[in-house]
Amino acid sequence: MQTQLISIIIPVLNEEAAIENLLQQLQVYRHQGHEVIVVDGGSSDNTLLIVEPLTDRLIVSTPGRAEQMNRGAESARYDTLWFLHADTVLPENAVVHIQKALQQKAWGRFNVRLSGSHLMFSLIAVMMNLRSCITGIATGDQGIFVKKTTFNKVAGFSALPLMEDIDISKKLKQVSPPACLREKLVTSSRRWEKNGIIKTILLMWWLRLAFWLGVSADKLARQYH
């Protein structure tokens, strides 16, 4: 059976503190023939210097996560796309899990765990994963993966400053329900710790509700930052 090679796409902007750890994890997959594409949105720190020797392709793009991920997908050589955030820690054999999942579904995502030690983070992660499986909506920190033909069929990420992951999940659901992998990606809890756990929970709930009610992503983005 031919190996199902994967294009791993990472949008970055001033991620010098986190990106090297992720790229080091991905070197084993580069050695297996998979490719790593980093799309920079105009970093002013040392991100580019760190990234260059550890990636197959470094693309400089206009800022905006959706635009950056679309640029990465356009340049991808392989038929499977896997989108990762720069602060992600991967589970063992992540690529194997993706390959198996895409034999049954057109797209999917991993479960997630927050990096912080506070007990609330475990509960938040459980609720995030449960909600995602029930609704079929994935967030970017869950490591969305998708067949390139399916990605192109739904016209990729919409040009939104926020909620681009929610939007593409809705489009992908029209093709197939997601593969909900139990293996966990670890994502940074830095935003929760900086802004306060309860405050961040309430903000996330409000943003999702407002987006569902039709409030523009541009308006919501101003509240998020």
Protein backbone atom coordinates (compact mmCIF):
# COMPACT_ATOMS: atom_id res chain seq x y z
CA MET A 1 0.00 0.00 0.00
CA GLN A 2 1.32 3.44 -0.95
CA THR A 3 2.19 5.69 1.98
CA GLN A 4 -0.31 8.49 2.43
CA LEU A 5 1.96 11.52 2.68
CA ILE A 6 0.83 14.62 4.54
CA SER A 7 1.42 18.35 4.12
CA ILE A 8 1.65 19.88 7.60
CA ILE A 9 0.75 23.58 7.57
CA ILE A 10 1.54 25.96 10.43
CA PRO A 11 0.53 29.66 10.38
CA VAL A 12 2.78 31.80 12.58
CA LEU A 13 3.16 35.38 13.75
CA ASN A 14 5.84 36.21 16.33
CA GLU A 15 6.02 32.66 17.67
CA GLU A 16 9.71 32.50 18.59
CA ALA A 17 8.86 31.16 22.05
CA ALA A 18 6.87 28.16 20.83
CA ILE A 19 7.56 27.23 17.22
CA GLU A 20 10.92 25.45 17.64
CA ASN A 21 9.42 22.86 19.98
CA LEU A 22 6.71 21.95 17.48
CA LEU A 23 9.10 21.85 14.53
CA GLN A 24 11.48 19.57 16.41
CA GLN A 25 8.60 17.16 17.01
CA LEU A 26 7.83 17.19 13.29
CA GLN A 27 11.34 16.30 12.12
CA VAL A 28 10.60 12.58 12.41
CA TYR A 29 7.74 13.02 9.95
CA ARG A 30 9.92 15.00 7.56
CA HIS A 31 12.34 12.07 7.56
CA GLN A 32 9.42 9.81 6.62
CA GLY A 33 8.68 11.97 3.56
CA HIS A 34 5.92 14.22 4.89
CA GLU A 35 6.40 17.96 4.36
CA VAL A 36 6.25 20.86 6.81
CA ILE A 37 5.08 24.23 5.52
CA VAL A 38 5.29 27.31 7.74
CA VAL A 39 3.43 30.43 6.64
CA ASP A 40 4.56 33.60 8.37
CA GLY A 41 2.28 36.60 8.66
CA GLY A 42 5.02 39.20 9.09
CA SER A 43 6.86 38.28 12.28
CA SER A 44 9.07 40.96 13.81
CA ASP A 45 10.86 38.62 16.24
CA ASN A 46 13.22 35.69 15.55
CA THR A 47 10.52 33.33 14.23
CA LEU A 48 11.89 33.24 10.67
CA LEU A 49 15.44 32.46 11.81
CA ILE A 50 14.20 29.56 13.93
CA VAL A 51 11.86 28.18 11.28
CA GLU A 52 14.03 28.22 8.17
CA PRO A 53 16.33 25.24 8.89
CA LEU A 54 13.50 23.12 10.29
CA THR A 55 10.90 23.33 7.53
CA ASP A 56 10.52 22.24 3.92
CA ARG A 57 8.93 25.48 2.82
CA LEU A 58 8.72 28.90 4.44
CA ILE A 59 6.14 31.24 2.93
CA VAL A 60 5.74 34.91 3.82
CA SER A 61 2.12 36.02 3.61
CA THR A 62 -0.13 38.89 4.51
CA PRO A 63 -1.24 38.45 8.14
CA GLY A 64 -4.41 36.58 9.00
CA ARG A 65 -4.62 32.94 10.01
CA ALA A 66 -7.17 32.01 7.32
CA GLU A 67 -5.13 33.64 4.55
CA GLN A 68 -1.92 32.05 5.81
CA MET A 69 -3.42 28.56 5.95
CA ASN A 70 -4.90 28.94 2.48
CA ARG A 71 -1.49 29.98 1.16
CA GLY A 72 0.03 26.91 2.74
CA ALA A 73 -2.64 24.66 1.25
CA GLU A 74 -2.04 26.12 -2.22
CA SER A 75 1.62 25.18 -2.05
CA ALA A 76 1.05 21.72 -0.55
CA ARG A 77 2.39 18.79 -2.58
CA TYR A 78 0.38 16.06 -0.92
CA ASP A 79 -3.26 15.00 -0.80
CA THR A 80 -3.71 15.31 2.96
CA LEU A 81 -3.53 18.67 4.76
CA TRP A 82 -2.94 18.95 8.51
CA PHE A 83 -3.22 22.39 10.13
CA LEU A 84 -1.43 23.00 13.42
CA HIS A 85 -1.01 25.90 15.81
CA ALA A 86 2.55 26.86 16.72
CA ASP A 87 2.14 26.03 20.44
CA THR A 88 0.99 22.42 19.89
CA VAL A 89 2.51 19.33 21.49
CA LEU A 90 1.74 16.20 19.47
CA PRO A 91 0.60 12.75 20.60
CA GLU A 92 2.62 9.68 19.64
CA ASN A 93 2.12 8.38 16.10
CA ALA A 94 -0.14 11.31 15.19
CA VAL A 95 0.37 10.81 11.45
CA VAL A 96 -0.65 7.14 11.65
CA HIS A 97 -3.89 8.11 13.38
CA ILE A 98 -4.64 10.64 10.63
CA GLN A 99 -3.93 8.14 7.89
CA LYS A 100 -6.29 5.58 9.44
CA ALA A 101 -9.02 8.16 10.07
CA LEU A 102 -9.01 9.39 6.48
CA GLN A 103 -9.69 5.89 5.22
CA GLN A 104 -13.20 6.35 6.66
CA LYS A 105 -13.85 10.10 6.72
CA ALA A 106 -12.98 13.14 4.61
CA TRP A 107 -11.69 15.18 7.55
CA GLY A 108 -11.23 15.14 11.29
CA ARG A 109 -9.57 16.48 14.39
CA PHE A 110 -7.86 15.34 17.59
CA ASN A 111 -9.01 15.69 21.15
CA VAL A 112 -7.21 18.46 23.00
CA ARG A 113 -5.67 18.99 26.42
CA LEU A 114 -4.64 22.34 27.87
CA SER A 115 -1.05 22.64 29.07
CA GLY A 116 -1.73 24.30 32.43
CA SER A 117 -1.92 22.39 35.73
CA HIS A 118 -5.05 24.05 37.10
CA LEU A 119 -7.86 21.54 37.68
CA MET A 120 -10.25 23.69 35.68
CA PHE A 121 -8.22 23.09 32.52
CA SER A 122 -9.02 19.37 32.59
CA LEU A 123 -12.74 20.10 32.81
CA ILE A 124 -12.54 22.70 30.06
CA ALA A 125 -10.77 20.23 27.76
CA VAL A 126 -13.36 17.50 28.43
CA MET A 127 -16.18 19.91 27.58
CA MET A 128 -14.40 21.15 24.45
CA ASN A 129 -13.88 17.61 23.16
CA LEU A 130 -17.41 16.51 23.99
CA ARG A 131 -18.98 19.57 22.38
CA SER A 132 -16.86 19.09 19.28
CA CYS A 133 -17.91 15.47 18.85
CA ILE A 134 -21.60 16.25 19.38
CA THR A 135 -21.70 19.27 17.07
CA GLY A 136 -19.12 18.20 14.48
CA ILE A 137 -17.41 21.58 14.91
CA ALA A 138 -13.64 21.62 15.38
CA THR A 139 -11.36 24.38 16.61
CA GLY A 140 -7.94 25.15 15.18
CA ASP A 141 -6.11 23.97 18.30
CA GLN A 142 -7.56 20.48 17.70
CA GLY A 143 -5.32 20.01 14.68
CA ILE A 144 -7.83 19.86 11.82
CA PHE A 145 -6.83 17.47 9.02
CA VAL A 146 -8.59 17.09 5.69
CA LYS A 147 -8.22 15.55 2.27
CA LYS A 148 -7.03 18.23 -0.15
CA THR A 149 -9.85 17.46 -2.60
CA THR A 150 -12.38 18.07 0.17
CA PHE A 151 -10.61 21.27 1.26
CA ASN A 152 -10.76 22.57 -2.31
CA LYS A 153 -14.38 21.47 -2.66
CA VAL A 154 -15.42 23.78 0.19
CA ALA A 155 -13.11 26.57 -1.10
CA GLY A 156 -10.78 26.42 1.88
CA PHE A 157 -10.89 28.85 4.78
CA SER A 158 -13.14 31.86 4.39
CA ALA A 159 -11.35 35.21 4.65
CA LEU A 160 -12.36 35.84 8.26
CA PRO A 161 -10.25 37.49 10.99
CA LEU A 162 -11.74 35.09 13.57
CA MET A 163 -13.86 31.91 13.65
CA GLU A 164 -12.33 30.60 10.42
CA ASP A 165 -12.12 27.17 12.06
CA ILE A 166 -15.81 27.19 12.99
CA ASP A 167 -16.75 28.34 9.51
CA ILE A 168 -14.78 25.64 7.69
CA SER A 169 -16.11 22.98 10.07
CA LYS A 170 -19.64 23.91 9.05
CA LYS A 171 -18.69 23.60 5.40
CA LEU A 172 -16.86 20.31 5.87
CA LYS A 173 -19.80 18.84 7.78
CA GLN A 174 -21.78 19.06 4.55
CA VAL A 175 -19.30 16.58 3.03
CA SER A 176 -18.94 14.21 5.97
CA PRO A 177 -18.98 14.19 9.77
CA PRO A 178 -15.48 14.56 11.26
CA ALA A 179 -13.30 11.76 12.55
CA CYS A 180 -13.04 12.55 16.27
CA LEU A 181 -9.71 11.11 17.38
CA ARG A 182 -9.33 10.37 21.08
CA GLU A 183 -5.58 10.98 20.99
CA LYS A 184 -4.83 14.36 22.54
CA LEU A 185 -2.93 17.35 21.24
CA VAL A 186 -1.65 19.56 24.02
CA THR A 187 -2.29 23.24 23.38
CA SER A 188 -1.01 26.17 25.40
CA SER A 189 -3.21 27.57 28.14
CA ARG A 190 -1.34 30.90 27.97
CA ARG A 191 -4.40 32.95 26.99
CA TRP A 192 -6.47 31.49 29.82
CA GLU A 193 -3.72 32.11 32.35
CA LYS A 194 -3.09 35.66 31.15
CA ASN A 195 -6.71 36.82 30.96
CA GLY A 196 -8.26 34.67 33.69
CA ILE A 197 -9.98 31.29 33.33
CA ILE A 198 -13.59 32.32 33.99
CA LYS A 199 -13.27 35.52 31.98
CA THR A 200 -11.85 33.59 29.02
CA ILE A 201 -14.59 30.92 29.21
CA LEU A 202 -17.29 33.58 29.17
CA LEU A 203 -15.62 35.43 26.32
CA MET A 204 -15.36 32.25 24.22
CA TRP A 205 -19.00 31.38 24.87
CA TRP A 206 -20.09 34.88 23.90
CA LEU A 207 -18.01 34.93 20.72
CA ARG A 208 -19.40 31.58 19.54
CA LEU A 209 -22.97 32.55 20.35
CA ALA A 210 -22.61 35.92 18.65
CA PHE A 211 -21.08 34.31 15.55
CA TRP A 212 -23.93 31.79 15.44
CA LEU A 213 -26.41 34.69 15.71
CA GLY A 214 -24.79 36.39 12.73
CA VAL A 215 -22.50 38.99 14.28
CA SER A 216 -19.67 39.68 11.84
CA ALA A 217 -16.28 38.09 12.48
CA ASP A 218 -14.64 41.53 12.04
CA LYS A 219 -16.61 42.93 14.95
CA LEU A 220 -15.92 39.85 17.10
CA ALA A 221 -12.19 39.98 16.35
CA ARG A 222 -11.98 43.40 17.97
CA GLN A 223 -13.38 41.90 21.20
CA TYR A 224 -11.08 38.87 21.10
CA HIS A 225 -7.73 40.66 21.02
